[in-house]
C-alpha atoms as a PDB file:
ATOM      1  CA  MET A   1      33.917  11.701  -1.507  1.00  0.00           C
ATOM      2  CA  SER A   2      31.339  14.140  -0.159  1.00  0.00           C
ATOM      3  CA  LEU A   3      30.557  14.547   3.538  1.00  0.00           C
ATOM      4  CA  TYR A   4      26.914  13.654   2.960  1.00  0.00           C
ATOM      5  CA  LEU A   5      27.908  10.416   1.216  1.00  0.00           C
ATOM      6  CA  LEU A   6      30.308   9.575   4.044  1.00  0.00           C
ATOM      7  CA  LEU A   7      27.481  10.041   6.548  1.00  0.00           C
ATOM      8  CA  ASN A   8      25.264   7.666   4.575  1.00  0.00           C
ATOM      9  CA  ILE A   9      27.985   5.036   4.292  1.00  0.00           C
ATOM     10  CA  GLY A  10      29.028   5.436   7.905  1.00  0.00           C
ATOM     11  CA  SER A  11      25.443   5.042   9.094  1.00  0.00           C
ATOM     12  CA  VAL A  12      24.707   1.862   7.159  1.00  0.00           C
ATOM     13  CA  SER A  13      28.073   0.072   7.089  1.00  0.00           C
ATOM     14  CA  VAL A  14      28.041  -1.527  10.556  1.00  0.00           C
ATOM     15  CA  PRO A  15      24.335  -2.501  10.392  1.00  0.00           C
ATOM     16  CA  PHE A  16      24.911  -4.010   6.942  1.00  0.00           C
ATOM     17  CA  ILE A  17      27.903  -6.079   8.101  1.00  0.00           C
ATOM     18  CA  TYR A  18      26.169  -7.280  11.259  1.00  0.00           C
ATOM     19  CA  SER A  19      23.080  -8.244   9.278  1.00  0.00           C
ATOM     20  CA  PHE A  20      24.988 -11.484   8.612  1.00  0.00           C
ATOM     21  CA  HIS A  21      25.582 -12.150  12.309  1.00  0.00           C
ATOM     22  CA  PRO A  22      24.539 -15.770  12.992  1.00  0.00           C
ATOM     23  CA  LYS A  23      22.281 -14.702  15.862  1.00  0.00           C
ATOM     24  CA  LEU A  24      20.481 -11.977  13.905  1.00  0.00           C
ATOM     25  CA  LYS A  25      20.501 -13.119  10.262  1.00  0.00           C
ATOM     26  CA  LEU A  26      18.714  -9.963   9.233  1.00  0.00           C
ATOM     27  CA  TYR A  27      19.702 -10.600   5.623  1.00  0.00           C
ATOM     28  CA  ARG A  28      16.907 -13.178   5.550  1.00  0.00           C
ATOM     29  CA  LYS A  29      14.434 -10.323   5.906  1.00  0.00           C
ATOM     30  CA  TRP A  30      15.837  -8.318   2.991  1.00  0.00           C
ATOM     31  CA  LYS A  31      13.073  -9.515   0.654  1.00  0.00           C
ATOM     32  CA  TYR A  32      10.634  -7.681   2.945  1.00  0.00           C
ATOM     33  CA  ILE A  33      12.804  -4.822   4.187  1.00  0.00           C
ATOM     34  CA  PHE A  34      14.054  -3.383   0.904  1.00  0.00           C
ATOM     35  CA  PRO A  35      10.682  -3.323  -0.882  1.00  0.00           C
ATOM     36  CA  ALA A  36       9.252  -1.640   2.231  1.00  0.00           C
ATOM     37  CA  ILE A  37      12.047   0.934   2.280  1.00  0.00           C
ATOM     38  CA  LEU A  38      11.611   1.653  -1.433  1.00  0.00           C
ATOM     39  CA  PHE A  39       7.842   1.985  -1.081  1.00  0.00           C
ATOM     40  CA  THR A  40       8.261   4.422   1.808  1.00  0.00           C
ATOM     41  CA  MET A  41      10.944   6.237  -0.146  1.00  0.00           C
ATOM     42  CA  MET A  42       8.507   6.884  -3.010  1.00  0.00           C
ATOM     43  CA  TYR A  43       6.294   9.305  -1.124  1.00  0.00           C
ATOM     44  CA  PHE A  44       9.065  10.794   1.012  1.00  0.00           C
ATOM     45  CA  ILE A  45      11.004  11.621  -2.170  1.00  0.00           C
ATOM     46  CA  VAL A  46       7.967  13.333  -3.715  1.00  0.00           C
ATOM     47  CA  TRP A  47       7.604  15.339  -0.513  1.00  0.00           C
ATOM     48  CA  ASP A  48      11.339  16.115  -0.637  1.00  0.00           C
ATOM     49  CA  ILE A  49      11.272  17.260  -4.273  1.00  0.00           C
ATOM     50  CA  ILE A  50       8.298  19.582  -3.699  1.00  0.00           C
ATOM     51  CA  PHE A  51       9.782  21.119  -0.559  1.00  0.00           C
ATOM     52  CA  THR A  52      13.198  21.601  -2.149  1.00  0.00           C
ATOM     53  CA  ARG A  53      11.706  23.333  -5.181  1.00  0.00           C
ATOM     54  CA  ASN A  54       9.686  25.631  -2.920  1.00  0.00           C
ATOM     55  CA  GLY A  55      12.599  26.549  -0.648  1.00  0.00           C
ATOM     56  CA  VAL A  56      11.307  24.830   2.478  1.00  0.00           C
ATOM     57  CA  TRP A  57      14.744  23.258   2.756  1.00  0.00           C
ATOM     58  CA  GLY A  58      17.795  22.829   0.565  1.00  0.00           C
ATOM     59  CA  PHE A  59      21.300  21.430   0.313  1.00  0.00           C
ATOM     60  CA  ASN A  60      24.731  22.989   0.611  1.00  0.00           C
ATOM     61  CA  GLU A  61      26.579  22.115  -2.613  1.00  0.00           C
ATOM     62  CA  ASN A  62      29.892  22.144  -0.733  1.00  0.00           C
ATOM     63  CA  TYR A  63      28.906  18.930   1.036  1.00  0.00           C
ATOM     64  CA  HIS A  64      27.368  16.802  -1.706  1.00  0.00           C
ATOM     65  CA  SER A  65      28.309  15.556  -5.165  1.00  0.00           C
ATOM     66  CA  ALA A  66      27.349  17.243  -8.421  1.00  0.00           C
ATOM     67  CA  VAL A  67      25.000  14.379  -9.324  1.00  0.00           C
ATOM     68  CA  GLU A  68      21.370  15.437  -8.907  1.00  0.00           C
ATOM     69  CA  ILE A  69      18.078  13.701  -9.695  1.00  0.00           C
ATOM     70  CA  PHE A  70      14.996  15.941  -9.774  1.00  0.00           C
ATOM     71  CA  ASN A  71      17.031  18.667  -8.058  1.00  0.00           C
ATOM     72  CA  LEU A  72      17.933  16.364  -5.171  1.00  0.00           C
ATOM     73  CA  PRO A  73      21.570  15.334  -4.587  1.00  0.00           C
ATOM     74  CA  LEU A  74      22.325  11.663  -5.111  1.00  0.00           C
ATOM     75  CA  GLU A  75      23.204  11.498  -1.424  1.00  0.00           C
ATOM     76  CA  GLU A  76      19.669  12.557  -0.499  1.00  0.00           C
ATOM     77  CA  TRP A  77      18.246   9.605  -2.436  1.00  0.00           C
ATOM     78  CA  LEU A  78      20.680   7.285  -0.686  1.00  0.00           C
ATOM     79  CA  PHE A  79      19.638   8.763   2.658  1.00  0.00           C
ATOM     80  CA  PHE A  80      16.194   7.177   2.281  1.00  0.00           C
ATOM     81  CA  ILE A  81      17.789   3.748   1.926  1.00  0.00           C
ATOM     82  CA  CYS A  82      20.747   3.910   4.298  1.00  0.00           C
ATOM     83  CA  ILE A  83      19.123   5.575   7.309  1.00  0.00           C
ATOM     84  CA  PRO A  84      15.918   3.491   7.413  1.00  0.00           C
ATOM     85  CA  TYR A  85      17.942   0.305   7.009  1.00  0.00           C
ATOM     86  CA  ALA A  86      20.277   1.271   9.861  1.00  0.00           C
ATOM     87  CA  CYS A  87      17.270   2.025  12.063  1.00  0.00           C
ATOM     88  CA  ILE A  88      15.471  -1.199  11.131  1.00  0.00           C
ATOM     89  CA  PHE A  89      18.631  -3.108  12.037  1.00  0.00           C
ATOM     90  CA  THR A  90      18.731  -1.304  15.390  1.00  0.00           C
ATOM     91  CA  HIS A  91      15.084  -2.164  16.025  1.00  0.00           C
ATOM     92  CA  TYR A  92      15.535  -5.887  15.409  1.00  0.00           C
ATOM     93  CA  ALA A  93      18.900  -6.060  17.174  1.00  0.00           C
ATOM     94  CA  LEU A  94      17.363  -4.537  20.302  1.00  0.00           C
ATOM     95  CA  LEU A  95      14.434  -6.948  20.135  1.00  0.00           C
ATOM     96  CA  HIS A  96      16.850  -9.858  19.825  1.00  0.00           C
ATOM     97  CA  TYR A  97      18.734  -8.924  22.988  1.00  0.00           C
ATOM     98  CA  PHE A  98      15.719  -7.528  24.855  1.00  0.00           C
ATOM     99  CA  PRO A  99      12.786  -9.626  23.556  1.00  0.00           C
ATOM    100  CA  ASP A 100      10.408  -8.553  26.312  1.00  0.00           C
ATOM    101  CA  SER A 101      10.894  -4.826  25.716  1.00  0.00           C
ATOM    102  CA  ARG A 102       7.446  -3.519  24.877  1.00  0.00           C
ATOM    103  CA  LEU A 103       4.794  -1.257  26.297  1.00  0.00           C
ATOM    104  CA  SER A 104       1.407  -2.565  27.290  1.00  0.00           C
ATOM    105  CA  ALA A 105      -1.400  -2.354  24.757  1.00  0.00           C
ATOM    106  CA  LYS A 106      -3.230   0.127  26.985  1.00  0.00           C
ATOM    107  CA  VAL A 107      -0.240   2.482  27.308  1.00  0.00           C
ATOM    108  CA  THR A 108       0.527   2.178  23.599  1.00  0.00           C
ATOM    109  CA  ASN A 109      -3.035   3.054  22.663  1.00  0.00           C
ATOM    110  CA  TYR A 110      -3.048   6.029  25.028  1.00  0.00           C
ATOM    111  CA  LEU A 111       0.289   7.324  23.728  1.00  0.00           C
ATOM    112  CA  SER A 112      -0.643   6.823  20.091  1.00  0.00           C
ATOM    113  CA  VAL A 113      -3.994   8.592  20.304  1.00  0.00           C
ATOM    114  CA  SER A 114      -2.671  11.384  22.518  1.00  0.00           C
ATOM    115  CA  LEU A 115       0.388  12.049  20.359  1.00  0.00           C
ATOM    116  CA  ALA A 116      -1.662  11.866  17.162  1.00  0.00           C
ATOM    117  CA  PHE A 117      -4.174  14.334  18.546  1.00  0.00           C
ATOM    118  CA  GLY A 118      -1.410  16.686  19.686  1.00  0.00           C
ATOM    119  CA  LEU A 119       0.346  16.527  16.320  1.00  0.00           C
ATOM    120  CA  MET A 120      -2.904  17.201  14.460  1.00  0.00           C
ATOM    121  CA  VAL A 121      -3.692  20.215  16.627  1.00  0.00           C
ATOM    122  CA  ILE A 122      -0.229  21.682  16.065  1.00  0.00           C
ATOM    123  CA  SER A 123      -0.297  20.943  12.327  1.00  0.00           C
ATOM    124  CA  PHE A 124      -3.609  22.717  11.802  1.00  0.00           C
ATOM    125  CA  PHE A 125      -2.725  25.587  14.127  1.00  0.00           C
ATOM    126  CA  PHE A 126       0.481  26.141  12.147  1.00  0.00           C
ATOM    127  CA  TYR A 127      -0.974  25.282   8.737  1.00  0.00           C
ATOM    128  CA  LYS A 128       0.951  28.142   7.124  1.00  0.00           C
ATOM    129  CA  ASN A 129       4.264  26.507   8.120  1.00  0.00           C
ATOM    130  CA  ALA A 130       4.633  23.929   5.359  1.00  0.00           C
ATOM    131  CA  TYR A 131       7.116  21.620   7.085  1.00  0.00           C
ATOM    132  CA  THR A 132       5.268  21.629  10.401  1.00  0.00           C
ATOM    133  CA  PHE A 133       1.861  21.089   8.797  1.00  0.00           C
ATOM    134  CA  VAL A 134       2.798  18.206   6.490  1.00  0.00           C
ATOM    135  CA  ASP A 135       5.261  16.557   8.879  1.00  0.00           C
ATOM    136  CA  TYR A 136       3.008  16.527  11.931  1.00  0.00           C
ATOM    137  CA  LEU A 137      -0.069  15.520   9.947  1.00  0.00           C
ATOM    138  CA  ILE A 138       1.747  12.539   8.396  1.00  0.00           C
ATOM    139  CA  GLY A 139       3.157  11.616  11.815  1.00  0.00           C
ATOM    140  CA  ALA A 140      -0.344  11.633  13.311  1.00  0.00           C
ATOM    141  CA  ILE A 141      -1.754   9.529  10.482  1.00  0.00           C
ATOM    142  CA  TRP A 142       0.982   6.909  10.843  1.00  0.00           C
ATOM    143  CA  LEU A 143       0.484   6.685  14.583  1.00  0.00           C
ATOM    144  CA  LEU A 144      -3.224   5.982  14.108  1.00  0.00           C
ATOM    145  CA  ILE A 145      -2.700   3.519  11.238  1.00  0.00           C
ATOM    146  CA  VAL A 146      -0.084   1.421  13.024  1.00  0.00           C
ATOM    147  CA  ASN A 147      -1.932   1.555  16.335  1.00  0.00           C
ATOM    148  CA  LYS A 148      -5.011   0.137  14.620  1.00  0.00           C
ATOM    149  CA  TYR A 149      -3.478  -2.370  12.213  1.00  0.00           C
ATOM    150  CA  HIS A 150      -0.216  -3.473  13.835  1.00  0.00           C
ATOM    151  CA  GLN A 151      -0.135  -2.317  17.428  1.00  0.00           C
ATOM    152  CA  LYS A 152       2.419  -4.969  18.357  1.00  0.00           C
ATOM    153  CA  LEU A 153       4.989  -3.120  16.265  1.00  0.00           C
ATOM    154  CA  LEU A 154       4.189   0.194  17.906  1.00  0.00           C
ATOM    155  CA  ARG A 155       4.441  -1.332  21.391  1.00  0.00           C
ATOM    156  CA  GLN A 156       8.053  -2.214  20.577  1.00  0.00           C
ATOM    157  CA  TYR A 157       8.885   0.776  18.408  1.00  0.00           C
ATOM    158  CA  PHE A 158       8.090   3.408  21.030  1.00  0.00           C
ATOM    159  CA  LEU A 159      11.009   1.968  23.038  1.00  0.00           C
ATOM    160  CA  THR A 160      13.468   1.128  20.251  1.00  0.00           C
ATOM    161  CA  PHE A 161      13.013   4.588  18.730  1.00  0.00           C
ATOM    162  CA  LEU A 162      14.338   6.115  21.948  1.00  0.00           C
ATOM    163  CA  VAL A 163      17.621   4.273  21.346  1.00  0.00           C
ATOM    164  CA  MET A 164      17.644   5.331  17.694  1.00  0.00           C
ATOM    165  CA  LEU A 165      17.602   8.944  18.855  1.00  0.00           C
ATOM    166  CA  ILE A 166      21.242   8.620  19.952  1.00  0.00           C
ATOM    167  CA  PRO A 167      22.694   8.119  16.437  1.00  0.00           C
ATOM    168  CA  PHE A 168      19.960  10.415  15.099  1.00  0.00           C
ATOM    169  CA  LEU A 169      21.271  13.306  17.186  1.00  0.00           C
ATOM    170  CA  ILE A 170      24.775  12.706  15.862  1.00  0.00           C
ATOM    171  CA  VAL A 171      23.967  12.241  12.170  1.00  0.00           C
ATOM    172  CA  ASN A 172      21.232  14.860  11.979  1.00  0.00           C
ATOM    173  CA  GLY A 173      23.331  17.155  14.101  1.00  0.00           C
ATOM    174  CA  ILE A 174      26.093  17.006  11.492  1.00  0.00           C
ATOM    175  CA  LEU A 175      23.609  17.465   8.641  1.00  0.00           C
ATOM    176  CA  THR A 176      22.125  20.559  10.268  1.00  0.00           C
ATOM    177  CA  GLY A 177      25.454  22.110  11.247  1.00  0.00           C
ATOM    178  CA  SER A 178      26.006  21.177  14.895  1.00  0.00           C
ATOM    179  CA  PHE A 179      29.645  20.274  14.282  1.00  0.00           C
ATOM    180  CA  LEU A 180      30.340  22.253  11.101  1.00  0.00           C
ATOM    181  CA  GLY A 181      30.693  25.851  10.100  1.00  0.00           C
ATOM    182  CA  SER A 182      27.558  25.550   7.962  1.00  0.00           C
ATOM    183  CA  GLU A 183      24.721  23.136   7.292  1.00  0.00           C
ATOM    184  CA  VAL A 184      24.723  20.225   4.892  1.00  0.00           C
ATOM    185  CA  VAL A 185      20.927  20.608   4.842  1.00  0.00           C
ATOM    186  CA  TRP A 186      19.459  24.040   5.505  1.00  0.00           C
ATOM    187  CA  TYR A 187      15.907  24.853   6.598  1.00  0.00           C
ATOM    188  CA  ASN A 188      13.735  27.879   5.997  1.00  0.00           C
ATOM    189  CA  ASN A 189      12.543  28.788   9.487  1.00  0.00           C
ATOM    190  CA  ASP A 190       9.483  30.525   8.025  1.00  0.00           C
ATOM    191  CA  GLU A 191       8.221  27.045   7.127  1.00  0.00           C
ATOM    192  CA  ASN A 192       8.724  25.405  10.528  1.00  0.00           C
ATOM    193  CA  LEU A 193       8.214  26.213  14.195  1.00  0.00           C
ATOM    194  CA  GLY A 194      11.702  27.697  14.523  1.00  0.00           C
ATOM    195  CA  LEU A 195      12.399  25.434  17.509  1.00  0.00           C
ATOM    196  CA  ARG A 196      15.591  23.386  17.454  1.00  0.00           C
ATOM    197  CA  VAL A 197      17.334  20.783  19.567  1.00  0.00           C
ATOM    198  CA  PHE A 198      20.912  21.947  19.136  1.00  0.00           C
ATOM    199  CA  THR A 199      20.683  22.675  15.379  1.00  0.00           C
ATOM    200  CA  ILE A 200      18.003  20.081  14.579  1.00  0.00           C
ATOM    201  CA  PRO A 201      14.470  21.366  13.862  1.00  0.00           C
ATOM    202  CA  VAL A 202      11.964  19.679  16.169  1.00  0.00           C
ATOM    203  CA  GLU A 203      10.041  18.598  13.069  1.00  0.00           C
ATOM    204  CA  ASP A 204      12.938  16.298  12.147  1.00  0.00           C
ATOM    205  CA  PHE A 205      12.171  14.074  15.132  1.00  0.00           C
ATOM    206  CA  VAL A 206       8.642  13.417  13.874  1.00  0.00           C
ATOM    207  CA  TYR A 207       9.988  13.032  10.331  1.00  0.00           C
ATOM    208  CA  ALA A 208      12.434  10.339  11.442  1.00  0.00           C
ATOM    209  CA  PHE A 209       9.758   8.623  13.534  1.00  0.00           C
ATOM    210  CA  SER A 210       7.389   8.398  10.555  1.00  0.00           C
ATOM    211  CA  LEU A 211      10.086   7.394   8.050  1.00  0.00           C
ATOM    212  CA  VAL A 212      11.294   4.410  10.067  1.00  0.00           C
ATOM    213  CA  LEU A 213       7.850   3.401  11.348  1.00  0.00           C
ATOM    214  CA  SER A 214       6.473   3.355   7.800  1.00  0.00           C
ATOM    215  CA  SER A 215       9.334   1.158   6.582  1.00  0.00           C
ATOM    216  CA  LEU A 216       8.943  -1.257   9.487  1.00  0.00           C
ATOM    217  CA  PHE A 217       5.176  -1.418   9.065  1.00  0.00           C
ATOM    218  CA  PHE A 218       5.336  -2.300   5.373  1.00  0.00           C
ATOM    219  CA  SER A 219       8.181  -4.759   5.975  1.00  0.00           C
ATOM    220  CA  GLU A 220       6.349  -6.653   8.685  1.00  0.00           C
ATOM    221  CA  LYS A 221       3.080  -6.648   6.754  1.00  0.00           C
ATOM    222  CA  LEU A 222       4.881  -8.155   3.755  1.00  0.00           C
ATOM    223  CA  GLU A 223       6.430 -10.796   5.995  1.00  0.00           C
ATOM    224  CA  LEU A 224       3.086 -11.652   7.574  1.00  0.00           C
ATOM    225  CA  MET A 225       1.486 -12.004   4.145  1.00  0.00           C
ATOM    226  CA  PHE A 226       4.324 -14.254   2.978  1.00  0.00           C
ATOM    227  CA  ASP A 227       4.231 -16.399   6.119  1.00  0.00           C
ATOM    228  CA  LYS A 228       0.473 -16.923   5.888  1.00  0.00           C
ATOM    229  CA  LYS A 229       0.769 -17.908   2.251  1.00  0.00           C
ATOM    230  CA  HIS A 230       3.558 -20.410   2.895  1.00  0.00           C
ATOM    231  CA  ASN A 231       2.722 -21.350   6.507  1.00  0.00           C
ATOM    232  CA  LEU A 232       6.160 -20.295   7.698  1.00  0.00           C
ATOM    233  CA  SER A 233       7.261 -18.892  11.030  1.00  0.00           C
ATOM    234  CA  PRO A 234       9.025 -15.484  11.162  1.00  0.00           C
ATOM    235  CA  VAL A 235      12.806 -15.448  10.818  1.00  0.00           C
ATOM    236  CA  ILE A 236      13.297 -13.320  13.905  1.00  0.00           C
END
């Protein structure tokens, strides 16, 4: 079994098992969560395929299986299911135990607009750096979309994402070579800012933020649509 596959399984196994916890019952949200994850995965995979083909990043064949789909290892496809699910579980678990954890609407609006503006400025200033440009632009767009159409989520997510950064540093650290002799995923520094936290490109933090936020946004919008149609109250 490849290291990359082990990381995927290790990341999702505990969240999957505890999704059946009688106090959380996250499995009841699967009909919203998995379509949302798959929808988000669609455009992240296209982005991934294009960047891999153009050498923006790539994968060390010593750490993944021989199975590839559109030049991406099978493990990379699984990444877009396992990691968002683990993060969504973390988000809802934290809200269950800390239901009042949220920023004010005013602070959330200020943070969202300020961060979006900052990301846009950096993306256009470094437009020749493919990863920085696309990553920061998408991050800015998602901040503005969610702030406008589902600010309640963002008020919570700004805080829960801080907790998600702990496992993120471990998993992404392994993927980028913090604890290995070489990277599982390598990056072309000509296509990013060249700034790293340990071995993790700073762009990865925005990438993770957008990936999980997008999945949560679509999931909760699906749930709201379903609840309005059937006059049901949310599961959690």
